[in-house]
Amino acid sequence: MPSPPNSYCKGFLMHASLPDANTLIVQLADVIAPALTPDTLIVGIHTGGVWVAERLHALLSCSQPLGTLDISFYRDDFSRIGLHPQVKPSNLPFDLEDRAILLVDDVLHSGRTVRAAMNELFDYGRPASIRLAGLVDRGGHELPIRPDFAGLSITVPDHRNINLSRLDDGHLTLTLA
């Protein structure tokens, strides 16, 4: 996938220009499609991962219902930072046992959110497999967790964040903070 001119230098983000999130989701769906089976379950991690999963679910014409996870109680920093003020319920309207799962998150960084999500999934059953899709893999991994599918892979300095936002009209945007 070509990068916008002057936005990236050897994989390092140089300034606040990021690709269009909606375009990245379409490209991500194209990469995922050949690996998806009719029985694959798509599960998004709240909040941005659910937004991406909703779009992927529609673009991939999945017949299975969409699942959502809120990993607030599974975070390894829960005792240090406390509960997120907007805890949402997890919704897994299917049996996970021996099923293929596509776990979706918006921005992959340390790997701790994905680890928490996998812990929660295993509390619901034992999937046959879990593959990971991320809209953006920003590097800085602290755990041996890497995406199987990424819309964009870039390196961002530790003091910067990539945020996915949803506008009132439903349009998704990526910003560098």
N, C-alpha and C. Protein backbone atom coordinates (compact mmCIF):
# COMPACT_ATOMS: atom_id res chain seq x y z
N MET A 1 0.85 -1.17 0.00
CA MET A 1 0.00 0.00 0.00
C MET A 1 0.90 1.23 0.00
N PRO A 2 0.75 2.12 -0.97
CA PRO A 2 1.60 3.30 -1.01
C PRO A 2 1.25 4.28 0.10
N SER A 3 2.26 4.95 0.61
CA SER A 3 2.07 5.95 1.66
C SER A 3 1.87 7.32 1.04
N PRO A 4 1.12 8.19 1.72
CA PRO A 4 1.01 9.55 1.22
C PRO A 4 2.38 10.20 1.17
N PRO A 5 2.64 11.05 0.17
CA PRO A 5 3.95 11.66 0.06
C PRO A 5 4.32 12.46 1.30
N ASN A 6 5.58 12.36 1.70
CA ASN A 6 6.16 13.12 2.80
C ASN A 6 5.53 12.84 4.16
N SER A 7 4.74 11.77 4.29
CA SER A 7 4.13 11.48 5.57
C SER A 7 4.96 10.53 6.42
N TYR A 8 5.70 9.65 5.78
CA TYR A 8 6.43 8.63 6.51
C TYR A 8 7.87 8.60 6.04
N CYS A 9 8.76 8.30 6.92
CA CYS A 9 10.17 8.19 6.58
C CYS A 9 10.70 6.93 7.23
N LYS A 10 10.99 5.92 6.44
CA LYS A 10 11.51 4.64 6.93
C LYS A 10 10.65 4.08 8.05
N GLY A 11 9.30 4.15 7.89
CA GLY A 11 8.39 3.55 8.85
C GLY A 11 8.13 4.41 10.08
N PHE A 12 8.77 5.55 10.22
CA PHE A 12 8.52 6.42 11.37
C PHE A 12 7.59 7.54 10.95
N LEU A 13 6.57 7.78 11.76
CA LEU A 13 5.64 8.85 11.48
C LEU A 13 6.33 10.18 11.74
N MET A 14 6.34 11.05 10.76
CA MET A 14 7.07 12.31 10.88
C MET A 14 6.17 13.48 11.28
N HIS A 15 4.90 13.45 10.89
CA HIS A 15 3.96 14.50 11.30
C HIS A 15 2.56 13.93 11.30
N ALA A 16 1.58 14.76 11.56
CA ALA A 16 0.24 14.29 11.89
C ALA A 16 -0.61 13.79 10.73
N SER A 17 -0.05 13.56 9.57
CA SER A 17 -0.81 13.09 8.43
C SER A 17 -0.96 11.57 8.49
N LEU A 18 -2.19 11.11 8.66
CA LEU A 18 -2.47 9.68 8.67
C LEU A 18 -3.45 9.36 7.55
N PRO A 19 -3.41 8.16 7.03
CA PRO A 19 -4.36 7.78 5.97
C PRO A 19 -5.80 7.81 6.47
N ASP A 20 -6.72 7.85 5.55
CA ASP A 20 -8.15 7.83 5.86
C ASP A 20 -8.52 6.48 6.48
N ALA A 21 -9.12 6.49 7.66
CA ALA A 21 -9.46 5.26 8.37
C ALA A 21 -10.43 4.39 7.57
N ASN A 22 -11.38 5.00 6.91
CA ASN A 22 -12.38 4.25 6.15
C ASN A 22 -11.76 3.53 4.97
N THR A 23 -10.80 4.18 4.32
CA THR A 23 -10.07 3.54 3.22
C THR A 23 -9.23 2.38 3.74
N LEU A 24 -8.59 2.57 4.90
CA LEU A 24 -7.80 1.48 5.49
C LEU A 24 -8.68 0.28 5.82
N ILE A 25 -9.90 0.52 6.29
CA ILE A 25 -10.80 -0.59 6.62
C ILE A 25 -11.17 -1.38 5.37
N VAL A 26 -11.43 -0.69 4.28
CA VAL A 26 -11.74 -1.38 3.02
C VAL A 26 -10.54 -2.22 2.57
N GLN A 27 -9.34 -1.66 2.66
CA GLN A 27 -8.13 -2.40 2.28
C GLN A 27 -7.91 -3.59 3.22
N LEU A 28 -8.18 -3.40 4.51
CA LEU A 28 -8.04 -4.47 5.49
C LEU A 28 -9.02 -5.60 5.17
N ALA A 29 -10.25 -5.26 4.82
CA ALA A 29 -11.25 -6.27 4.45
C ALA A 29 -10.78 -7.08 3.24
N ASP A 30 -10.17 -6.42 2.27
CA ASP A 30 -9.67 -7.12 1.08
C ASP A 30 -8.59 -8.13 1.44
N VAL A 31 -7.76 -7.80 2.43
CA VAL A 31 -6.68 -8.71 2.85
C VAL A 31 -7.25 -9.86 3.67
N ILE A 32 -8.25 -9.60 4.48
CA ILE A 32 -8.83 -10.63 5.34
C ILE A 32 -9.70 -11.61 4.55
N ALA A 33 -10.41 -11.14 3.55
CA ALA A 33 -11.42 -11.93 2.84
C ALA A 33 -10.95 -13.33 2.43
N PRO A 34 -9.77 -13.50 1.83
CA PRO A 34 -9.38 -14.85 1.43
C PRO A 34 -9.18 -15.82 2.60
N ALA A 35 -8.92 -15.30 3.79
CA ALA A 35 -8.66 -16.16 4.95
C ALA A 35 -9.92 -16.44 5.77
N LEU A 36 -11.01 -15.78 5.44
CA LEU A 36 -12.24 -15.89 6.22
C LEU A 36 -13.07 -17.07 5.74
N THR A 37 -13.57 -17.88 6.67
CA THR A 37 -14.48 -18.95 6.32
C THR A 37 -15.90 -18.52 6.69
N PRO A 38 -16.92 -19.18 6.16
CA PRO A 38 -18.29 -18.79 6.51
C PRO A 38 -18.59 -18.93 8.01
N ASP A 39 -17.86 -19.76 8.72
CA ASP A 39 -18.10 -19.97 10.14
C ASP A 39 -17.25 -19.08 11.05
N THR A 40 -16.37 -18.25 10.48
CA THR A 40 -15.52 -17.39 11.30
C THR A 40 -16.38 -16.37 12.04
N LEU A 41 -16.09 -16.20 13.33
CA LEU A 41 -16.79 -15.22 14.16
C LEU A 41 -15.92 -13.97 14.28
N ILE A 42 -16.51 -12.81 14.09
CA ILE A 42 -15.79 -11.55 14.23
C ILE A 42 -16.16 -10.94 15.57
N VAL A 43 -15.12 -10.58 16.35
CA VAL A 43 -15.31 -10.00 17.68
C VAL A 43 -14.49 -8.72 17.77
N GLY A 44 -15.14 -7.60 18.07
CA GLY A 44 -14.45 -6.32 18.21
C GLY A 44 -14.24 -5.97 19.67
N ILE A 45 -13.11 -5.31 19.96
CA ILE A 45 -12.79 -4.85 21.30
C ILE A 45 -13.25 -3.40 21.44
N HIS A 46 -14.07 -3.13 22.48
CA HIS A 46 -14.57 -1.77 22.72
C HIS A 46 -13.43 -0.80 22.90
N THR A 47 -13.50 0.38 22.39
CA THR A 47 -14.60 0.92 21.63
C THR A 47 -14.24 0.96 20.15
N GLY A 48 -13.04 1.42 19.84
CA GLY A 48 -12.64 1.57 18.44
C GLY A 48 -12.61 0.26 17.68
N GLY A 49 -12.24 -0.82 18.34
CA GLY A 49 -12.21 -2.12 17.69
C GLY A 49 -13.60 -2.58 17.27
N VAL A 50 -14.61 -2.19 18.04
CA VAL A 50 -15.99 -2.52 17.66
C VAL A 50 -16.37 -1.74 16.42
N TRP A 51 -15.99 -0.47 16.34
CA TRP A 51 -16.31 0.33 15.14
C TRP A 51 -15.68 -0.30 13.91
N VAL A 52 -14.43 -0.71 14.01
CA VAL A 52 -13.74 -1.35 12.88
C VAL A 52 -14.40 -2.69 12.57
N ALA A 53 -14.71 -3.47 13.60
CA ALA A 53 -15.33 -4.79 13.41
C ALA A 53 -16.70 -4.66 12.73
N GLU A 54 -17.47 -3.64 13.09
CA GLU A 54 -18.78 -3.42 12.46
C GLU A 54 -18.62 -3.21 10.96
N ARG A 55 -17.63 -2.40 10.59
CA ARG A 55 -17.39 -2.13 9.16
C ARG A 55 -16.91 -3.38 8.44
N LEU A 56 -15.96 -4.10 9.07
CA LEU A 56 -15.44 -5.33 8.46
C LEU A 56 -16.55 -6.36 8.31
N HIS A 57 -17.38 -6.50 9.32
CA HIS A 57 -18.49 -7.46 9.31
C HIS A 57 -19.38 -7.20 8.09
N ALA A 58 -19.70 -5.93 7.85
CA ALA A 58 -20.55 -5.56 6.71
C ALA A 58 -19.81 -5.77 5.38
N LEU A 59 -18.57 -5.29 5.30
CA LEU A 59 -17.80 -5.41 4.05
C LEU A 59 -17.55 -6.87 3.66
N LEU A 60 -17.39 -7.73 4.66
CA LEU A 60 -17.10 -9.15 4.40
C LEU A 60 -18.37 -9.98 4.29
N SER A 61 -19.53 -9.34 4.41
CA SER A 61 -20.84 -10.01 4.31
C SER A 61 -20.92 -11.24 5.20
N CYS A 62 -20.53 -11.08 6.44
CA CYS A 62 -20.52 -12.20 7.39
C CYS A 62 -21.94 -12.59 7.76
N SER A 63 -22.20 -13.90 7.76
CA SER A 63 -23.53 -14.39 8.13
C SER A 63 -23.65 -14.61 9.63
N GLN A 64 -22.53 -14.76 10.32
CA GLN A 64 -22.54 -14.95 11.77
C GLN A 64 -22.74 -13.60 12.45
N PRO A 65 -23.37 -13.58 13.64
CA PRO A 65 -23.53 -12.30 14.34
C PRO A 65 -22.18 -11.74 14.79
N LEU A 66 -22.14 -10.44 15.00
CA LEU A 66 -20.94 -9.75 15.46
C LEU A 66 -20.86 -9.82 16.98
N GLY A 67 -19.67 -10.09 17.51
CA GLY A 67 -19.47 -10.10 18.94
C GLY A 67 -18.68 -8.88 19.38
N THR A 68 -18.88 -8.46 20.63
CA THR A 68 -18.15 -7.32 21.17
C THR A 68 -17.63 -7.67 22.56
N LEU A 69 -16.45 -7.14 22.88
CA LEU A 69 -15.83 -7.36 24.18
C LEU A 69 -15.50 -6.05 24.85
N ASP A 70 -15.79 -5.94 26.14
CA ASP A 70 -15.27 -4.86 26.97
C ASP A 70 -14.32 -5.54 27.94
N ILE A 71 -13.04 -5.23 27.82
CA ILE A 71 -12.00 -5.93 28.59
C ILE A 71 -11.63 -5.19 29.87
N SER A 72 -12.45 -4.24 30.30
CA SER A 72 -12.11 -3.41 31.46
C SER A 72 -11.69 -4.22 32.68
N PHE A 73 -12.41 -5.29 32.98
CA PHE A 73 -12.11 -6.09 34.18
C PHE A 73 -10.96 -7.08 33.96
N TYR A 74 -10.48 -7.17 32.74
CA TYR A 74 -9.41 -8.12 32.40
C TYR A 74 -8.06 -7.44 32.23
N ARG A 75 -8.03 -6.13 32.32
CA ARG A 75 -6.77 -5.39 32.13
C ARG A 75 -5.79 -5.69 33.26
N ASP A 76 -4.50 -5.76 32.94
CA ASP A 76 -3.50 -6.04 33.98
C ASP A 76 -3.16 -4.79 34.79
N ASP A 77 -3.67 -3.62 34.36
CA ASP A 77 -3.44 -2.40 35.12
C ASP A 77 -4.71 -1.93 35.84
N PHE A 78 -5.71 -2.81 35.93
CA PHE A 78 -6.99 -2.47 36.56
C PHE A 78 -6.81 -1.98 37.99
N SER A 79 -5.96 -2.67 38.77
CA SER A 79 -5.79 -2.29 40.17
C SER A 79 -5.04 -0.96 40.31
N ARG A 80 -4.28 -0.60 39.29
CA ARG A 80 -3.49 0.64 39.34
C ARG A 80 -4.28 1.85 38.84
N ILE A 81 -5.04 1.68 37.74
CA ILE A 81 -5.73 2.84 37.16
C ILE A 81 -7.23 2.84 37.44
N GLY A 82 -7.76 1.75 37.94
CA GLY A 82 -9.18 1.68 38.25
C GLY A 82 -10.03 1.37 37.03
N LEU A 83 -11.32 1.41 37.23
CA LEU A 83 -12.28 1.06 36.21
C LEU A 83 -12.49 2.22 35.24
N HIS A 84 -12.54 1.90 33.95
CA HIS A 84 -12.85 2.91 32.94
C HIS A 84 -14.25 3.45 33.22
N PRO A 85 -14.44 4.76 33.09
CA PRO A 85 -15.73 5.36 33.47
C PRO A 85 -16.90 4.91 32.59
N GLN A 86 -16.64 4.35 31.41
CA GLN A 86 -17.72 3.93 30.52
C GLN A 86 -17.61 2.45 30.21
N VAL A 87 -17.81 1.61 31.21
CA VAL A 87 -17.77 0.17 31.00
C VAL A 87 -18.99 -0.24 30.19
N LYS A 88 -18.77 -1.03 29.14
CA LYS A 88 -19.84 -1.51 28.29
C LYS A 88 -19.92 -3.02 28.45
N PRO A 89 -21.08 -3.60 28.29
CA PRO A 89 -21.17 -5.05 28.42
C PRO A 89 -20.54 -5.75 27.22
N SER A 90 -19.98 -6.90 27.47
CA SER A 90 -19.54 -7.75 26.36
C SER A 90 -20.77 -8.45 25.80
N ASN A 91 -20.75 -8.71 24.51
CA ASN A 91 -21.87 -9.38 23.86
C ASN A 91 -21.32 -10.41 22.89
N LEU A 92 -21.41 -11.67 23.28
CA LEU A 92 -20.96 -12.76 22.42
C LEU A 92 -22.16 -13.68 22.17
N PRO A 93 -22.95 -13.37 21.14
CA PRO A 93 -24.21 -14.09 20.90
C PRO A 93 -24.02 -15.41 20.16
N PHE A 94 -22.99 -16.16 20.55
CA PHE A 94 -22.68 -17.43 19.90
C PHE A 94 -21.83 -18.25 20.84
N ASP A 95 -21.71 -19.53 20.53
CA ASP A 95 -20.85 -20.43 21.29
C ASP A 95 -19.45 -20.37 20.67
N LEU A 96 -18.44 -20.11 21.49
CA LEU A 96 -17.06 -19.98 20.99
C LEU A 96 -16.35 -21.32 20.83
N GLU A 97 -16.88 -22.35 21.45
CA GLU A 97 -16.20 -23.64 21.51
C GLU A 97 -15.85 -24.14 20.11
N ASP A 98 -14.54 -24.37 19.88
CA ASP A 98 -14.01 -24.92 18.61
C ASP A 98 -14.35 -24.06 17.39
N ARG A 99 -14.48 -22.76 17.59
CA ARG A 99 -14.78 -21.86 16.48
C ARG A 99 -13.57 -21.00 16.14
N ALA A 100 -13.47 -20.60 14.89
CA ALA A 100 -12.43 -19.66 14.46
C ALA A 100 -12.91 -18.24 14.78
N ILE A 101 -12.03 -17.47 15.43
CA ILE A 101 -12.35 -16.10 15.83
C ILE A 101 -11.43 -15.13 15.10
N LEU A 102 -11.99 -14.05 14.60
CA LEU A 102 -11.21 -12.91 14.13
C LEU A 102 -11.41 -11.81 15.16
N LEU A 103 -10.39 -11.54 15.95
CA LEU A 103 -10.42 -10.52 16.99
C LEU A 103 -9.95 -9.21 16.37
N VAL A 104 -10.71 -8.13 16.58
CA VAL A 104 -10.45 -6.86 15.91
C VAL A 104 -10.23 -5.75 16.94
N ASP A 105 -9.15 -4.98 16.74
CA ASP A 105 -8.90 -3.79 17.55
C ASP A 105 -8.53 -2.65 16.62
N ASP A 106 -8.61 -1.42 17.14
CA ASP A 106 -8.31 -0.26 16.30
C ASP A 106 -6.82 0.00 16.21
N VAL A 107 -6.16 0.26 17.33
CA VAL A 107 -4.73 0.59 17.33
C VAL A 107 -4.01 -0.42 18.23
N LEU A 108 -3.09 -1.17 17.65
CA LEU A 108 -2.32 -2.15 18.40
C LEU A 108 -1.03 -1.50 18.86
N HIS A 109 -0.72 -1.66 20.15
CA HIS A 109 0.48 -1.05 20.69
C HIS A 109 1.23 -2.07 21.54
N SER A 110 0.98 -2.08 22.84
CA SER A 110 1.76 -2.94 23.74
C SER A 110 1.40 -4.41 23.63
N GLY A 111 0.17 -4.72 23.25
CA GLY A 111 -0.32 -6.09 23.21
C GLY A 111 -1.15 -6.44 24.43
N ARG A 112 -1.19 -5.56 25.41
CA ARG A 112 -1.89 -5.85 26.67
C ARG A 112 -3.42 -5.87 26.50
N THR A 113 -3.96 -5.03 25.65
CA THR A 113 -5.40 -5.06 25.40
C THR A 113 -5.79 -6.38 24.74
N VAL A 114 -5.01 -6.82 23.78
CA VAL A 114 -5.30 -8.07 23.08
C VAL A 114 -5.16 -9.25 24.05
N ARG A 115 -4.14 -9.21 24.92
CA ARG A 115 -4.00 -10.28 25.91
C ARG A 115 -5.23 -10.35 26.80
N ALA A 116 -5.72 -9.20 27.25
CA ALA A 116 -6.91 -9.15 28.09
C ALA A 116 -8.13 -9.69 27.33
N ALA A 117 -8.25 -9.33 26.06
CA ALA A 117 -9.37 -9.81 25.25
C ALA A 117 -9.33 -11.33 25.09
N MET A 118 -8.14 -11.88 24.86
CA MET A 118 -8.04 -13.34 24.74
C MET A 118 -8.39 -14.02 26.06
N ASN A 119 -7.97 -13.45 27.18
CA ASN A 119 -8.35 -14.01 28.49
C ASN A 119 -9.87 -14.04 28.64
N GLU A 120 -10.52 -12.96 28.25
CA GLU A 120 -11.98 -12.93 28.36
C GLU A 120 -12.62 -13.94 27.42
N LEU A 121 -12.13 -14.03 26.18
CA LEU A 121 -12.69 -15.01 25.25
C LEU A 121 -12.63 -16.43 25.83
N PHE A 122 -11.49 -16.78 26.44
CA PHE A 122 -11.35 -18.12 26.99
C PHE A 122 -12.27 -18.36 28.19
N ASP A 123 -12.73 -17.31 28.83
CA ASP A 123 -13.73 -17.48 29.88
C ASP A 123 -15.08 -17.90 29.31
N TYR A 124 -15.30 -17.65 28.03
CA TYR A 124 -16.55 -18.04 27.36
C TYR A 124 -16.45 -19.40 26.66
N GLY A 125 -15.25 -19.92 26.49
CA GLY A 125 -15.06 -21.20 25.80
C GLY A 125 -13.68 -21.28 25.22
N ARG A 126 -13.41 -22.39 24.54
CA ARG A 126 -12.09 -22.61 23.94
C ARG A 126 -12.21 -22.56 22.41
N PRO A 127 -11.85 -21.40 21.82
CA PRO A 127 -11.91 -21.29 20.36
C PRO A 127 -10.91 -22.24 19.69
N ALA A 128 -11.21 -22.63 18.47
CA ALA A 128 -10.27 -23.43 17.69
C ALA A 128 -9.05 -22.59 17.33
N SER A 129 -9.29 -21.30 17.02
CA SER A 129 -8.20 -20.39 16.67
C SER A 129 -8.64 -18.96 16.89
N ILE A 130 -7.66 -18.10 17.11
CA ILE A 130 -7.90 -16.66 17.20
C ILE A 130 -6.89 -15.98 16.29
N ARG A 131 -7.38 -15.23 15.32
CA ARG A 131 -6.52 -14.41 14.47
C ARG A 131 -6.81 -12.96 14.81
N LEU A 132 -5.79 -12.12 14.69
CA LEU A 132 -5.89 -10.73 15.11
C LEU A 132 -5.82 -9.79 13.91
N ALA A 133 -6.79 -8.86 13.87
CA ALA A 133 -6.79 -7.80 12.86
C ALA A 133 -6.75 -6.46 13.59
N GLY A 134 -5.87 -5.58 13.14
CA GLY A 134 -5.78 -4.24 13.70
C GLY A 134 -5.80 -3.22 12.60
N LEU A 135 -6.53 -2.14 12.80
CA LEU A 135 -6.54 -1.08 11.81
C LEU A 135 -5.14 -0.49 11.67
N VAL A 136 -4.49 -0.23 12.83
CA VAL A 136 -3.13 0.32 12.83
C VAL A 136 -2.28 -0.48 13.82
N ASP A 137 -1.14 -0.95 13.37
CA ASP A 137 -0.13 -1.54 14.26
C ASP A 137 0.96 -0.50 14.40
N ARG A 138 1.03 0.12 15.58
CA ARG A 138 1.94 1.26 15.78
C ARG A 138 3.28 0.87 16.41
N GLY A 139 3.54 -0.43 16.57
CA GLY A 139 4.79 -0.85 17.17
C GLY A 139 4.78 -0.65 18.68
N GLY A 140 5.93 -0.86 19.30
CA GLY A 140 6.05 -0.71 20.74
C GLY A 140 5.51 -1.89 21.52
N HIS A 141 5.51 -3.06 20.91
CA HIS A 141 4.97 -4.25 21.55
C HIS A 141 5.75 -4.61 22.81
N GLU A 142 5.01 -4.93 23.86
CA GLU A 142 5.60 -5.38 25.13
C GLU A 142 5.37 -6.86 25.35
N LEU A 143 4.46 -7.44 24.60
CA LEU A 143 4.15 -8.86 24.68
C LEU A 143 4.31 -9.47 23.30
N PRO A 144 4.51 -10.78 23.21
CA PRO A 144 4.70 -11.41 21.90
C PRO A 144 3.36 -11.58 21.17
N ILE A 145 2.70 -10.46 20.91
CA ILE A 145 1.41 -10.44 20.22
C ILE A 145 1.54 -9.53 19.02
N ARG A 146 1.26 -10.09 17.83
CA ARG A 146 1.36 -9.34 16.58
C ARG A 146 0.11 -9.61 15.74
N PRO A 147 -0.32 -8.65 14.93
CA PRO A 147 -1.52 -8.87 14.12
C PRO A 147 -1.27 -9.82 12.96
N ASP A 148 -2.29 -10.60 12.65
CA ASP A 148 -2.27 -11.40 11.41
C ASP A 148 -2.60 -10.52 10.22
N PHE A 149 -3.39 -9.48 10.48
CA PHE A 149 -3.82 -8.54 9.44
C PHE A 149 -3.74 -7.13 10.02
N ALA A 150 -3.12 -6.21 9.28
CA ALA A 150 -3.03 -4.81 9.71
C ALA A 150 -3.31 -3.90 8.53
N GLY A 151 -4.15 -2.89 8.78
CA GLY A 151 -4.42 -1.91 7.74
C GLY A 151 -3.22 -1.02 7.47
N LEU A 152 -2.46 -0.71 8.54
CA LEU A 152 -1.29 0.14 8.45
C LEU A 152 -0.32 -0.26 9.55
N SER A 153 0.94 -0.43 9.21
CA SER A 153 1.99 -0.70 10.19
C SER A 153 2.99 0.43 10.14
N ILE A 154 3.10 1.15 11.27
CA ILE A 154 4.04 2.27 11.36
C ILE A 154 4.65 2.27 12.76
N THR A 155 5.74 2.99 12.91
CA THR A 155 6.34 3.16 14.22
C THR A 155 6.07 4.59 14.68
N VAL A 156 5.56 4.70 15.89
CA VAL A 156 5.23 6.00 16.46
C VAL A 156 6.00 6.13 17.76
N PRO A 157 6.63 7.28 18.02
CA PRO A 157 7.35 7.46 19.29
C PRO A 157 6.43 7.20 20.49
N ASP A 158 7.01 6.71 21.57
CA ASP A 158 6.23 6.35 22.76
C ASP A 158 5.40 7.50 23.33
N HIS A 159 5.86 8.72 23.17
CA HIS A 159 5.14 9.86 23.74
C HIS A 159 3.96 10.31 22.87
N ARG A 160 3.75 9.67 21.73
CA ARG A 160 2.64 10.02 20.83
C ARG A 160 1.60 8.91 20.84
N ASN A 161 0.37 9.24 20.53
CA ASN A 161 -0.72 8.28 20.46
C ASN A 161 -1.43 8.40 19.12
N ILE A 162 -1.98 7.30 18.66
CA ILE A 162 -2.87 7.31 17.51
C ILE A 162 -4.26 7.04 18.04
N ASN A 163 -5.21 7.90 17.70
CA ASN A 163 -6.58 7.77 18.18
C ASN A 163 -7.54 7.60 17.01
N LEU A 164 -8.49 6.68 17.19
CA LEU A 164 -9.57 6.51 16.24
C LEU A 164 -10.82 7.16 16.84
N SER A 165 -11.46 8.03 16.07
CA SER A 165 -12.68 8.71 16.53
C SER A 165 -13.79 8.47 15.53
N ARG A 166 -15.01 8.50 16.04
CA ARG A 166 -16.17 8.37 15.15
C ARG A 166 -16.94 9.68 15.20
N LEU A 167 -17.10 10.31 14.04
CA LEU A 167 -17.83 11.57 13.94
C LEU A 167 -19.33 11.32 14.02
N ASP A 168 -20.10 12.35 14.18
CA ASP A 168 -21.56 12.24 14.29
C ASP A 168 -22.18 11.54 13.08
N ASP A 169 -21.57 11.72 11.91
CA ASP A 169 -22.11 11.09 10.69
C ASP A 169 -21.62 9.65 10.52
N GLY A 170 -20.86 9.13 11.49
CA GLY A 170 -20.37 7.75 11.44
C GLY A 170 -19.01 7.60 10.80
N HIS A 171 -18.50 8.66 10.19
CA HIS A 171 -17.19 8.62 9.55
C HIS A 171 -16.10 8.41 10.62
N LEU A 172 -15.15 7.53 10.35
CA LEU A 172 -14.06 7.28 11.27
C LEU A 172 -12.83 8.06 10.86
N THR A 173 -12.12 8.62 11.85
CA THR A 173 -10.92 9.39 11.56
C THR A 173 -9.77 8.95 12.49
N LEU A 174 -8.57 8.96 11.96
CA LEU A 174 -7.36 8.69 12.72
C LEU A 174 -6.63 10.00 12.96
N THR A 175 -6.17 10.20 14.20
CA THR A 175 -5.38 11.39 14.51
C THR A 175 -4.17 10.99 15.33
N LEU A 176 -3.15 11.79 15.20
CA LEU A 176 -1.92 11.60 15.98
C LEU A 176 -1.91 12.65 17.08
N ALA A 177 -1.79 12.20 18.31
CA ALA A 177 -1.81 13.14 19.44
C ALA A 177 -0.47 13.11 20.14
